[in-house]
Every structure is written in C-alpha cells, then in structure tokens.
Amino acid sequence: MIKFFRAASMLAFLIFPGFAPVKNAGNYTLGYNLSKPDAVLILPAILHEISGITHLESDLFACIQDENGIVFFYDLKKNKIERQLHFNINGDYEGIAIAGSKIYVLRSDGALFEIAGHESGNLNFDVFYTNIPSRNNEGLCFDPDGNRLLIAPKGKTLKGPADKDKREIYAFDLKTRTLSQDPVFIFDLQAIRNFAKANKLNLPLKEKKKGKQPEPRIDFMTSAIGINPVSKKLFILSSSDYLLFISDMDGNIEHIETLNPAVFNNAEGIAFYSNGDMVITNEGGSGNPTLLLFKYQE
C-alpha cells in the first residue's frame, strides 16, 4: 500500500498560508515525509527561474536557471551564491548534473554542455547535440552504475496514436558520447493510472467517457529526475501534476506521492546528498524561489 500526505506542519524557515498541520499516518515507505520539509529556504532572487540543481560536495550545489548560460555555485548552509560560471549564451537551460569532475547542462532542445575544470579554474567547454527526438527536454541526472546521463523529455516522443500515453527517458553514454537509439525507460500512463486506482490515490479525475468509469488525471510531464544514491530508485517530478513518481531501475513504478501545491508550487529541480537527503527546488513564479530539504529515513 502506498502512503501519501496532503498537508504539512510548520516549516523550518517559512510558513505557507493555508497549509494546516495534520497528524501523519503510516510508515515512511518513501523514505521522506513530504508533508513536512526539514528546512525551507528562500533562494537568492537571481535564482527566481531556477530550473535544475545538482549536489557537488558538503553543502555546495550547482544550479541553473532557464534564461542565462550561467552555472551558479550555491552554498545551502549559508544560503548564498559563492560564485558564477558563464558557459554559454542565454538560452532555455533545464537540467544540470555532475559526473565525476565534469558538470553537464541540458538545454531544452537536447543540447548537452560539458564543463570541465570548474574546480581548478582551468576550464574546458564542449557541447554535444544529442538529436533526442524532442524539443522540450527538462530532466537530467547522472546514472553512475551505467556511466550515463539520463535525459527526460517533458512529454511523449514516440509517434503514433498507440504511443500517446507513453513517456520516455533516453540515455547519453559518457564513454561513446552518443545517445541511445531507443528509450531506456518507457512508462505507460494507463498502467500508472491503474496503479493509482489500485492504491486509492485521491487524484483529479478525467472527464468520464460514455460507458466508461472516470480515471485519474495523470499527465506525467517530467520536470526533473534524480537517482537516490541509497535506495537506487529513480525519482521523477511532474510539476504540473503535483506528483512525484518513484521507479526502480527497470522502469517499474513503485510509488506515487501527491505534492501539496502550496509548498511544491513549481517543482523544477531535484538533487540528493550521498546519504540520501533530498532537496527539491521551486521556481518563483509570482512569489519567491524556494529550496526544500528532506532528511532521508530508511
């Protein structure tokens, strides 16, 4: 049985209006209590459009926002930007990942920017045009077991009416510097809807068709992805759904978590500490950009 939460207690640094405290129920099969972040930080204004985050070391993260070709090195403990690194002209940058000593940035059209030497200052830049069959890509993370980057388009990429309910993730091999010809993950929305119904998730329903029962409305529009380094599970954020999907590395959905819109107003980034602690970032929209910290509990 999946467990999910729909309300939160007082947050560590910020209180969201209308977000009333409730008693949590059940065990933490997810590993996190998403109804109660351990810390909430208002990010610096320059990160208002924060669209990706990755953990470097200690409390240092690398962030991007979807307007400027700049990597922002952000210290969570100090809640300040330590330095900036210009890597390209302005553009729609949506994902960032660290693999070894190299930083990779994903542009929405599928271009991957490789930044080497960011620690030493002896910088070297390269770009790879992946030719991924999508012009709207948002999810990027490093898969150390496969020595590859996972790239998630926001919507479907497969053509034809039979594939309208498919969502894919591709892999960029860091040894051959090539994109997988076929998706390495294919998620079937109908199977996910069936999973949601079987586990009695309280989700909005699609309009009822004649002679059919209404089904949960799940768009699965990926906004960020990350691999938990402890559980080895793939975490997939769908900001527009206010949902977090958790899959094993064979592509089997194991958990769906509903996210309170008052806290996860525009969840566009996800990253993990090596001990499993998780951060999720929200773009500012009409308010402030925020970073949410969740301690991992096995």
C-alpha atoms as a PDB file:
ATOM      1  CA  MET A   1       0.000   0.000   0.000  1.00  0.00           C
ATOM      2  CA  ILE A   2       1.435   3.362  -0.933  1.00  0.00           C
ATOM      3  CA  LYS A   3       1.406   6.116   1.635  1.00  0.00           C
ATOM      4  CA  PHE A   4       0.919   9.774   0.831  1.00  0.00           C
ATOM      5  CA  PHE A   5       0.417  13.009   2.684  1.00  0.00           C
ATOM      6  CA  ARG A   6      -1.736  16.003   1.855  1.00  0.00           C
ATOM      7  CA  ALA A   7      -0.901  18.598   4.483  1.00  0.00           C
ATOM      8  CA  ALA A   8       2.067  19.909   6.380  1.00  0.00           C
ATOM      9  CA  SER A   9       3.154  21.175   9.765  1.00  0.00           C
ATOM     10  CA  MET A  10       5.036  24.404  10.378  1.00  0.00           C
ATOM     11  CA  LEU A  11       8.098  24.565   8.162  1.00  0.00           C
ATOM     12  CA  ALA A  12      11.593  25.259   9.451  1.00  0.00           C
ATOM     13  CA  PHE A  13      12.084  28.689   7.912  1.00  0.00           C
ATOM     14  CA  LEU A  14       8.869  29.569   6.146  1.00  0.00           C
ATOM     15  CA  ILE A  15       5.139  29.141   6.718  1.00  0.00           C
ATOM     16  CA  PHE A  16       2.840  28.742   3.724  1.00  0.00           C
ATOM     17  CA  PRO A  17      -0.608  30.301   4.269  1.00  0.00           C
ATOM     18  CA  GLY A  18      -3.455  27.824   4.386  1.00  0.00           C
ATOM     19  CA  PHE A  19      -1.190  24.836   4.879  1.00  0.00           C
ATOM     20  CA  ALA A  20      -2.608  23.365   8.089  1.00  0.00           C
ATOM     21  CA  PRO A  21      -0.801  20.831  10.278  1.00  0.00           C
ATOM     22  CA  VAL A  22      -2.136  17.270  10.432  1.00  0.00           C
ATOM     23  CA  LYS A  23      -1.030  14.075  12.072  1.00  0.00           C
ATOM     24  CA  ASN A  24       0.961  11.857   9.690  1.00  0.00           C
ATOM     25  CA  ALA A  25      -0.143   8.265   9.272  1.00  0.00           C
ATOM     26  CA  GLY A  26       1.622   5.073   8.240  1.00  0.00           C
ATOM     27  CA  ASN A  27       5.255   4.263   7.752  1.00  0.00           C
ATOM     28  CA  TYR A  28       7.688   6.052   5.510  1.00  0.00           C
ATOM     29  CA  THR A  29       7.885   3.665   2.558  1.00  0.00           C
ATOM     30  CA  LEU A  30       9.012   6.674   0.523  1.00  0.00           C
ATOM     31  CA  GLY A  31      11.949   7.459   2.835  1.00  0.00           C
ATOM     32  CA  TYR A  32      10.788  11.067   3.287  1.00  0.00           C
ATOM     33  CA  ASN A  33       7.998  12.945   4.993  1.00  0.00           C
ATOM     34  CA  LEU A  34       6.995  15.239   2.156  1.00  0.00           C
ATOM     35  CA  SER A  35       4.286  16.827   4.262  1.00  0.00           C
ATOM     36  CA  LYS A  36       6.924  18.415   6.481  1.00  0.00           C
ATOM     37  CA  PRO A  37      10.229  19.626   4.978  1.00  0.00           C
ATOM     38  CA  ASP A  38      13.110  19.719   7.427  1.00  0.00           C
ATOM     39  CA  ALA A  39      14.051  23.145   6.063  1.00  0.00           C
ATOM     40  CA  VAL A  40      12.658  25.648   3.588  1.00  0.00           C
ATOM     41  CA  LEU A  41      14.907  28.368   2.210  1.00  0.00           C
ATOM     42  CA  ILE A  42      14.009  31.374   0.108  1.00  0.00           C
ATOM     43  CA  LEU A  43      16.656  31.360  -2.615  1.00  0.00           C
ATOM     44  CA  PRO A  44      18.543  34.430  -3.869  1.00  0.00           C
ATOM     45  CA  ALA A  45      16.499  36.483  -6.316  1.00  0.00           C
ATOM     46  CA  ILE A  46      18.815  35.681  -9.232  1.00  0.00           C
ATOM     47  CA  LEU A  47      17.580  32.069  -8.976  1.00  0.00           C
ATOM     48  CA  HIS A  48      13.947  33.084  -9.437  1.00  0.00           C
ATOM     49  CA  GLU A  49      13.782  30.890 -12.560  1.00  0.00           C
ATOM     50  CA  ILE A  50      15.810  28.015 -11.055  1.00  0.00           C
ATOM     51  CA  SER A  51      15.312  25.011 -13.305  1.00  0.00           C
ATOM     52  CA  GLY A  52      17.935  22.492 -12.163  1.00  0.00           C
ATOM     53  CA  ILE A  53      20.189  21.613  -9.248  1.00  0.00           C
ATOM     54  CA  THR A  54      22.887  19.036  -8.536  1.00  0.00           C
ATOM     55  CA  HIS A  55      24.913  18.275  -5.416  1.00  0.00           C
ATOM     56  CA  LEU A  56      28.684  18.805  -5.585  1.00  0.00           C
ATOM     57  CA  GLU A  57      30.117  18.395  -2.082  1.00  0.00           C
ATOM     58  CA  SER A  58      29.290  19.179   1.552  1.00  0.00           C
ATOM     59  CA  ASP A  59      26.557  21.855   1.297  1.00  0.00           C
ATOM     60  CA  LEU A  60      27.642  23.121  -2.122  1.00  0.00           C
ATOM     61  CA  PHE A  61      25.278  22.753  -5.083  1.00  0.00           C
ATOM     62  CA  ALA A  62      25.426  23.784  -8.722  1.00  0.00           C
ATOM     63  CA  CYS A  63      22.257  25.402 -10.084  1.00  0.00           C
ATOM     64  CA  ILE A  64      20.991  26.760 -13.365  1.00  0.00           C
ATOM     65  CA  GLN A  65      18.052  28.914 -14.307  1.00  0.00           C
ATOM     66  CA  ASP A  66      16.240  28.768 -17.597  1.00  0.00           C
ATOM     67  CA  GLU A  67      17.313  32.116 -19.007  1.00  0.00           C
ATOM     68  CA  ASN A  68      21.084  32.542 -18.669  1.00  0.00           C
ATOM     69  CA  GLY A  69      24.024  30.361 -19.667  1.00  0.00           C
ATOM     70  CA  ILE A  70      25.429  30.520 -16.145  1.00  0.00           C
ATOM     71  CA  VAL A  71      26.146  27.882 -13.507  1.00  0.00           C
ATOM     72  CA  PHE A  72      25.528  29.237 -10.013  1.00  0.00           C
ATOM     73  CA  PHE A  73      27.501  27.637  -7.180  1.00  0.00           C
ATOM     74  CA  TYR A  74      25.169  27.814  -4.195  1.00  0.00           C
ATOM     75  CA  ASP A  75      26.009  27.102  -0.548  1.00  0.00           C
ATOM     76  CA  LEU A  76      22.902  25.760   1.153  1.00  0.00           C
ATOM     77  CA  LYS A  77      24.164  26.273   4.687  1.00  0.00           C
ATOM     78  CA  LYS A  78      24.970  29.929   4.035  1.00  0.00           C
ATOM     79  CA  ASN A  79      22.065  30.369   1.622  1.00  0.00           C
ATOM     80  CA  LYS A  80      24.223  32.369  -0.758  1.00  0.00           C
ATOM     81  CA  ILE A  81      25.777  32.091  -4.187  1.00  0.00           C
ATOM     82  CA  GLU A  82      29.523  31.617  -3.836  1.00  0.00           C
ATOM     83  CA  ARG A  83      30.420  32.177  -7.471  1.00  0.00           C
ATOM     84  CA  GLN A  84      29.147  32.069 -11.048  1.00  0.00           C
ATOM     85  CA  LEU A  85      30.451  30.387 -14.163  1.00  0.00           C
ATOM     86  CA  HIS A  86      29.417  31.573 -17.639  1.00  0.00           C
ATOM     87  CA  PHE A  87      29.386  28.624 -20.045  1.00  0.00           C
ATOM     88  CA  ASN A  88      27.235  29.771 -22.969  1.00  0.00           C
ATOM     89  CA  ILE A  89      24.927  32.442 -24.332  1.00  0.00           C
ATOM     90  CA  ASN A  90      21.437  32.900 -22.923  1.00  0.00           C
ATOM     91  CA  GLY A  91      19.008  30.058 -23.602  1.00  0.00           C
ATOM     92  CA  ASP A  92      16.410  27.720 -22.146  1.00  0.00           C
ATOM     93  CA  TYR A  93      18.505  25.573 -19.778  1.00  0.00           C
ATOM     94  CA  GLU A  94      16.529  22.958 -17.890  1.00  0.00           C
ATOM     95  CA  GLY A  95      18.773  20.329 -16.274  1.00  0.00           C
ATOM     96  CA  ILE A  96      22.179  20.013 -14.598  1.00  0.00           C
ATOM     97  CA  ALA A  97      24.200  17.018 -13.391  1.00  0.00           C
ATOM     98  CA  ILE A  98      27.675  16.240 -12.078  1.00  0.00           C
ATOM     99  CA  ALA A  99      29.522  13.183 -13.401  1.00  0.00           C
ATOM    100  CA  GLY A 100      32.969  12.733 -11.903  1.00  0.00           C
ATOM    101  CA  SER A 101      34.617  16.140 -12.107  1.00  0.00           C
ATOM    102  CA  LYS A 102      32.532  17.360 -15.036  1.00  0.00           C
ATOM    103  CA  ILE A 103      29.326  19.356 -14.968  1.00  0.00           C
ATOM    104  CA  TYR A 104      26.708  18.806 -17.660  1.00  0.00           C
ATOM    105  CA  VAL A 105      23.905  21.227 -18.511  1.00  0.00           C
ATOM    106  CA  LEU A 106      20.873  20.294 -20.594  1.00  0.00           C
ATOM    107  CA  ARG A 107      19.264  22.818 -22.905  1.00  0.00           C
ATOM    108  CA  SER A 108      15.614  22.215 -23.726  1.00  0.00           C
ATOM    109  CA  ASP A 109      16.412  21.329 -27.344  1.00  0.00           C
ATOM    110  CA  GLY A 110      18.574  18.387 -26.188  1.00  0.00           C
ATOM    111  CA  ALA A 111      21.997  20.026 -26.444  1.00  0.00           C
ATOM    112  CA  LEU A 112      24.361  18.929 -23.656  1.00  0.00           C
ATOM    113  CA  PHE A 113      27.048  21.323 -22.450  1.00  0.00           C
ATOM    114  CA  GLU A 114      30.087  19.763 -20.776  1.00  0.00           C
ATOM    115  CA  ILE A 115      32.114  21.875 -18.346  1.00  0.00           C
ATOM    116  CA  ALA A 116      35.479  20.508 -17.203  1.00  0.00           C
ATOM    117  CA  GLY A 117      37.910  22.119 -14.782  1.00  0.00           C
ATOM    118  CA  HIS A 118      35.383  24.095 -12.780  1.00  0.00           C
ATOM    119  CA  GLU A 119      37.304  23.309  -9.573  1.00  0.00           C
ATOM    120  CA  SER A 120      40.798  24.187 -10.827  1.00  0.00           C
ATOM    121  CA  GLY A 121      39.777  27.140 -12.957  1.00  0.00           C
ATOM    122  CA  ASN A 122      41.412  25.519 -15.992  1.00  0.00           C
ATOM    123  CA  LEU A 123      38.114  25.491 -17.831  1.00  0.00           C
ATOM    124  CA  ASN A 124      37.272  23.487 -20.909  1.00  0.00           C
ATOM    125  CA  PHE A 125      33.872  23.558 -22.619  1.00  0.00           C
ATOM    126  CA  ASP A 126      32.285  21.177 -25.090  1.00  0.00           C
ATOM    127  CA  VAL A 127      28.791  20.706 -26.488  1.00  0.00           C
ATOM    128  CA  PHE A 128      27.034  17.591 -27.773  1.00  0.00           C
ATOM    129  CA  TYR A 129      23.950  17.772 -29.959  1.00  0.00           C
ATOM    130  CA  THR A 130      22.125  14.632 -28.876  1.00  0.00           C
ATOM    131  CA  ASN A 131      19.414  14.732 -31.566  1.00  0.00           C
ATOM    132  CA  ILE A 132      16.954  13.465 -28.985  1.00  0.00           C
ATOM    133  CA  PRO A 133      13.504  13.293 -30.644  1.00  0.00           C
ATOM    134  CA  SER A 134      12.067  16.124 -28.557  1.00  0.00           C
ATOM    135  CA  ARG A 135      12.448  19.892 -28.459  1.00  0.00           C
ATOM    136  CA  ASN A 136      11.246  20.138 -24.873  1.00  0.00           C
ATOM    137  CA  ASN A 137      13.597  18.268 -22.526  1.00  0.00           C
ATOM    138  CA  GLU A 138      13.687  19.039 -18.801  1.00  0.00           C
ATOM    139  CA  GLY A 139      15.073  16.099 -16.800  1.00  0.00           C
ATOM    140  CA  LEU A 140      18.794  15.335 -16.458  1.00  0.00           C
ATOM    141  CA  CYS A 141      20.687  13.174 -13.956  1.00  0.00           C
ATOM    142  CA  PHE A 142      23.818  11.039 -13.742  1.00  0.00           C
ATOM    143  CA  ASP A 143      23.455   7.264 -13.503  1.00  0.00           C
ATOM    144  CA  PRO A 144      26.804   6.107 -12.054  1.00  0.00           C
ATOM    145  CA  ASP A 145      26.043   2.396 -12.435  1.00  0.00           C
ATOM    146  CA  GLY A 146      25.574   2.842 -16.176  1.00  0.00           C
ATOM    147  CA  ASN A 147      28.131   5.646 -16.638  1.00  0.00           C
ATOM    148  CA  ARG A 148      25.466   7.577 -18.472  1.00  0.00           C
ATOM    149  CA  LEU A 149      23.298  10.653 -18.288  1.00  0.00           C
ATOM    150  CA  LEU A 150      19.541  10.139 -18.260  1.00  0.00           C
ATOM    151  CA  ILE A 151      17.560  12.684 -20.278  1.00  0.00           C
ATOM    152  CA  ALA A 152      13.803  13.015 -19.845  1.00  0.00           C
ATOM    153  CA  PRO A 153      11.611  14.840 -22.354  1.00  0.00           C
ATOM    154  CA  LYS A 154       8.666  16.670 -20.841  1.00  0.00           C
ATOM    155  CA  GLY A 155       6.089  14.875 -22.980  1.00  0.00           C
ATOM    156  CA  LYS A 156       5.904  11.943 -25.348  1.00  0.00           C
ATOM    157  CA  THR A 157       8.463  11.416 -28.112  1.00  0.00           C
ATOM    158  CA  LEU A 158       7.212   8.231 -29.774  1.00  0.00           C
ATOM    159  CA  LYS A 159       4.938   8.797 -32.758  1.00  0.00           C
ATOM    160  CA  GLY A 160       1.547   7.316 -33.470  1.00  0.00           C
ATOM    161  CA  PRO A 161      -1.765   7.093 -31.603  1.00  0.00           C
ATOM    162  CA  ALA A 162      -0.712   3.855 -29.873  1.00  0.00           C
ATOM    163  CA  ASP A 163       2.102   5.743 -28.128  1.00  0.00           C
ATOM    164  CA  LYS A 164       0.208   8.845 -26.982  1.00  0.00           C
ATOM    165  CA  ASP A 165       0.226   7.545 -23.414  1.00  0.00           C
ATOM    166  CA  LYS A 166       3.927   6.682 -23.350  1.00  0.00           C
ATOM    167  CA  ARG A 167       6.588   8.720 -21.565  1.00  0.00           C
ATOM    168  CA  GLU A 168      10.253   8.051 -22.277  1.00  0.00           C
ATOM    169  CA  ILE A 169      13.720   8.595 -20.859  1.00  0.00           C
ATOM    170  CA  TYR A 170      16.841   8.350 -23.019  1.00  0.00           C
ATOM    171  CA  ALA A 171      20.479   7.734 -22.073  1.00  0.00           C
ATOM    172  CA  PHE A 172      23.614   9.554 -23.152  1.00  0.00           C
ATOM    173  CA  ASP A 173      26.617   7.221 -22.888  1.00  0.00           C
ATOM    174  CA  LEU A 174      29.557   9.115 -21.391  1.00  0.00           C
ATOM    175  CA  LYS A 175      32.114   6.741 -22.923  1.00  0.00           C
ATOM    176  CA  THR A 176      30.889   6.806 -26.520  1.00  0.00           C
ATOM    177  CA  ARG A 177      29.335  10.293 -26.229  1.00  0.00           C
ATOM    178  CA  THR A 178      26.228   9.077 -28.032  1.00  0.00           C
ATOM    179  CA  LEU A 179      22.509   8.999 -27.277  1.00  0.00           C
ATOM    180  CA  SER A 180      20.725   5.665 -27.033  1.00  0.00           C
ATOM    181  CA  GLN A 181      18.805   4.960 -30.217  1.00  0.00           C
ATOM    182  CA  ASP A 182      15.781   3.797 -28.242  1.00  0.00           C
ATOM    183  CA  PRO A 183      14.439   4.961 -24.878  1.00  0.00           C
ATOM    184  CA  VAL A 184      15.936   3.175 -21.877  1.00  0.00           C
ATOM    185  CA  PHE A 185      12.722   3.749 -19.901  1.00  0.00           C
ATOM    186  CA  ILE A 186       9.183   3.735 -21.274  1.00  0.00           C
ATOM    187  CA  PHE A 187       6.388   4.494 -18.829  1.00  0.00           C
ATOM    188  CA  ASP A 188       2.819   3.607 -19.759  1.00  0.00           C
ATOM    189  CA  LEU A 189       0.301   6.131 -18.451  1.00  0.00           C
ATOM    190  CA  GLN A 190      -2.566   3.655 -18.473  1.00  0.00           C
ATOM    191  CA  ALA A 191      -0.598   1.274 -16.277  1.00  0.00           C
ATOM    192  CA  ILE A 192       0.217   4.186 -13.956  1.00  0.00           C
ATOM    193  CA  ARG A 193      -3.458   5.185 -13.780  1.00  0.00           C
ATOM    194  CA  ASN A 194      -4.327   1.594 -12.891  1.00  0.00           C
ATOM    195  CA  PHE A 195      -1.640   1.703 -10.190  1.00  0.00           C
ATOM    196  CA  ALA A 196      -3.128   4.907  -8.794  1.00  0.00           C
ATOM    197  CA  LYS A 197      -6.644   3.429  -8.732  1.00  0.00           C
ATOM    198  CA  ALA A 198      -5.473   0.196  -7.112  1.00  0.00           C
ATOM    199  CA  ASN A 199      -3.731   2.186  -4.370  1.00  0.00           C
ATOM    200  CA  LYS A 200      -6.681   4.561  -3.941  1.00  0.00           C
ATOM    201  CA  LEU A 201      -4.834   7.794  -4.600  1.00  0.00           C
ATOM    202  CA  ASN A 202      -7.077  10.816  -4.286  1.00  0.00           C
ATOM    203  CA  LEU A 203      -6.389  12.412  -7.661  1.00  0.00           C
ATOM    204  CA  PRO A 204      -8.444  14.603 -10.011  1.00  0.00           C
ATOM    205  CA  LEU A 205     -10.454  12.522 -12.470  1.00  0.00           C
ATOM    206  CA  LYS A 206     -10.517  12.727 -16.237  1.00  0.00           C
ATOM    207  CA  GLU A 207     -13.842  13.514 -17.851  1.00  0.00           C
ATOM    208  CA  LYS A 208     -15.968  10.392 -17.924  1.00  0.00           C
ATOM    209  CA  LYS A 209     -16.439   8.857 -21.370  1.00  0.00           C
ATOM    210  CA  LYS A 210     -19.689   7.167 -22.294  1.00  0.00           C
ATOM    211  CA  GLY A 211     -19.835   3.670 -20.863  1.00  0.00           C
ATOM    212  CA  LYS A 212     -16.508   4.024 -19.034  1.00  0.00           C
ATOM    213  CA  GLN A 213     -15.537   4.772 -15.463  1.00  0.00           C
ATOM    214  CA  PRO A 214     -13.610   8.008 -14.867  1.00  0.00           C
ATOM    215  CA  GLU A 215      -9.862   7.589 -14.433  1.00  0.00           C
ATOM    216  CA  PRO A 216      -7.228   9.561 -12.527  1.00  0.00           C
ATOM    217  CA  ARG A 217      -5.884  12.531 -14.454  1.00  0.00           C
ATOM    218  CA  ILE A 218      -2.138  11.964 -14.759  1.00  0.00           C
ATOM    219  CA  ASP A 219      -0.189  13.849 -17.421  1.00  0.00           C
ATOM    220  CA  PHE A 220       3.323  12.739 -16.321  1.00  0.00           C
ATOM    221  CA  MET A 221       5.044  15.833 -17.725  1.00  0.00           C
ATOM    222  CA  THR A 222       8.571  15.381 -16.395  1.00  0.00           C
ATOM    223  CA  SER A 223      10.127  18.490 -14.870  1.00  0.00           C
ATOM    224  CA  ALA A 224      13.125  16.891 -13.081  1.00  0.00           C
ATOM    225  CA  ILE A 225      14.690  13.489 -12.422  1.00  0.00           C
ATOM    226  CA  GLY A 226      17.237  12.134  -9.971  1.00  0.00           C
ATOM    227  CA  ILE A 227      18.564   8.824  -8.643  1.00  0.00           C
ATOM    228  CA  ASN A 228      18.560   8.295  -4.889  1.00  0.00           C
ATOM    229  CA  PRO A 229      22.129   7.132  -4.129  1.00  0.00           C
ATOM    230  CA  VAL A 230      20.992   4.973  -1.189  1.00  0.00           C
ATOM    231  CA  SER A 231      17.863   3.247  -2.489  1.00  0.00           C
ATOM    232  CA  LYS A 232      18.974   3.329  -6.150  1.00  0.00           C
ATOM    233  CA  LYS A 233      15.467   4.402  -7.132  1.00  0.00           C
ATOM    234  CA  LEU A 234      14.620   6.861  -9.891  1.00  0.00           C
ATOM    235  CA  PHE A 235      12.651   9.911  -8.727  1.00  0.00           C
ATOM    236  CA  ILE A 236      10.571  11.713 -11.368  1.00  0.00           C
ATOM    237  CA  LEU A 237       8.882  15.056 -10.695  1.00  0.00           C
ATOM    238  CA  SER A 238       5.840  16.137 -12.673  1.00  0.00           C
ATOM    239  CA  SER A 239       5.355  19.717 -11.595  1.00  0.00           C
ATOM    240  CA  SER A 240       2.086  20.285 -13.447  1.00  0.00           C
ATOM    241  CA  ASP A 241       0.551  17.174 -11.830  1.00  0.00           C
ATOM    242  CA  TYR A 242       1.937  17.947  -8.371  1.00  0.00           C
ATOM    243  CA  LEU A 243       3.141  14.362  -8.314  1.00  0.00           C
ATOM    244  CA  LEU A 244       6.378  12.538  -7.565  1.00  0.00           C
ATOM    245  CA  PHE A 245       6.851   9.133  -9.178  1.00  0.00           C
ATOM    246  CA  ILE A 246       9.367   6.589  -7.897  1.00  0.00           C
ATOM    247  CA  SER A 247      10.559   3.793 -10.152  1.00  0.00           C
ATOM    248  CA  ASP A 248      13.099   1.012  -9.915  1.00  0.00           C
ATOM    249  CA  MET A 249      15.875   0.970 -12.494  1.00  0.00           C
ATOM    250  CA  ASP A 250      13.878  -1.446 -14.634  1.00  0.00           C
ATOM    251  CA  GLY A 251      11.168   1.158 -15.126  1.00  0.00           C
ATOM    252  CA  ASN A 252       8.568  -0.249 -12.716  1.00  0.00           C
ATOM    253  CA  ILE A 253       6.612   2.438 -10.861  1.00  0.00           C
ATOM    254  CA  GLU A 254       6.692   1.561  -7.168  1.00  0.00           C
ATOM    255  CA  HIS A 255       5.277   4.663  -5.522  1.00  0.00           C
ATOM    256  CA  ILE A 256       3.342   7.817  -6.352  1.00  0.00           C
ATOM    257  CA  GLU A 257       3.398  10.730  -3.935  1.00  0.00           C
ATOM    258  CA  THR A 258       0.949  13.622  -4.106  1.00  0.00           C
ATOM    259  CA  LEU A 259       2.556  17.041  -3.564  1.00  0.00           C
ATOM    260  CA  ASN A 260       0.822  19.936  -1.881  1.00  0.00           C
ATOM    261  CA  PRO A 261       0.668  22.842  -4.389  1.00  0.00           C
ATOM    262  CA  ALA A 262       1.140  25.376  -1.595  1.00  0.00           C
ATOM    263  CA  VAL A 263       4.647  24.022  -0.981  1.00  0.00           C
ATOM    264  CA  PHE A 264       5.562  22.439  -4.324  1.00  0.00           C
ATOM    265  CA  ASN A 265       4.214  25.330  -6.357  1.00  0.00           C
ATOM    266  CA  ASN A 266       6.615  24.849  -9.288  1.00  0.00           C
ATOM    267  CA  ALA A 267       8.966  21.945  -8.577  1.00  0.00           C
ATOM    268  CA  GLU A 268      11.628  22.044 -11.294  1.00  0.00           C
ATOM    269  CA  GLY A 269      14.746  20.624  -9.609  1.00  0.00           C
ATOM    270  CA  ILE A 270      15.748  17.620  -7.519  1.00  0.00           C
ATOM    271  CA  ALA A 271      19.083  16.514  -6.053  1.00  0.00           C
ATOM    272  CA  PHE A 272      20.427  14.186  -3.385  1.00  0.00           C
ATOM    273  CA  TYR A 273      23.174  14.179  -0.798  1.00  0.00           C
ATOM    274  CA  SER A 274      25.226  10.973  -0.685  1.00  0.00           C
ATOM    275  CA  ASN A 275      23.369   9.936   2.495  1.00  0.00           C
ATOM    276  CA  GLY A 276      20.009  10.144   0.696  1.00  0.00           C
ATOM    277  CA  ASP A 277      18.882  13.551   1.967  1.00  0.00           C
ATOM    278  CA  MET A 278      16.872  15.205  -0.790  1.00  0.00           C
ATOM    279  CA  VAL A 279      16.399  18.773  -1.968  1.00  0.00           C
ATOM    280  CA  ILE A 280      13.637  19.977  -4.275  1.00  0.00           C
ATOM    281  CA  THR A 281      13.622  23.465  -5.748  1.00  0.00           C
ATOM    282  CA  ASN A 282      10.678  25.574  -6.867  1.00  0.00           C
ATOM    283  CA  GLU A 283      10.772  28.307  -9.453  1.00  0.00           C
ATOM    284  CA  GLY A 284       9.480  31.584  -8.056  1.00  0.00           C
ATOM    285  CA  GLY A 285       6.521  32.241 -10.341  1.00  0.00           C
ATOM    286  CA  SER A 286       4.601  35.108  -8.754  1.00  0.00           C
ATOM    287  CA  GLY A 287       6.442  34.591  -5.439  1.00  0.00           C
ATOM    288  CA  ASN A 288       9.910  33.585  -4.277  1.00  0.00           C
ATOM    289  CA  PRO A 289      12.064  30.676  -5.449  1.00  0.00           C
ATOM    290  CA  THR A 290      12.445  28.105  -2.687  1.00  0.00           C
ATOM    291  CA  LEU A 291      14.567  25.130  -1.742  1.00  0.00           C
ATOM    292  CA  LEU A 292      13.039  22.320   0.330  1.00  0.00           C
ATOM    293  CA  LEU A 293      15.242  19.936   2.324  1.00  0.00           C
ATOM    294  CA  PHE A 294      14.029  16.467   3.315  1.00  0.00           C
ATOM    295  CA  LYS A 295      16.033  14.170   5.567  1.00  0.00           C
ATOM    296  CA  TYR A 296      16.191  10.556   4.429  1.00  0.00           C
ATOM    297  CA  GLN A 297      14.782   7.845   6.686  1.00  0.00           C
ATOM    298  CA  GLU A 298      15.340   4.249   5.647  1.00  0.00           C
END
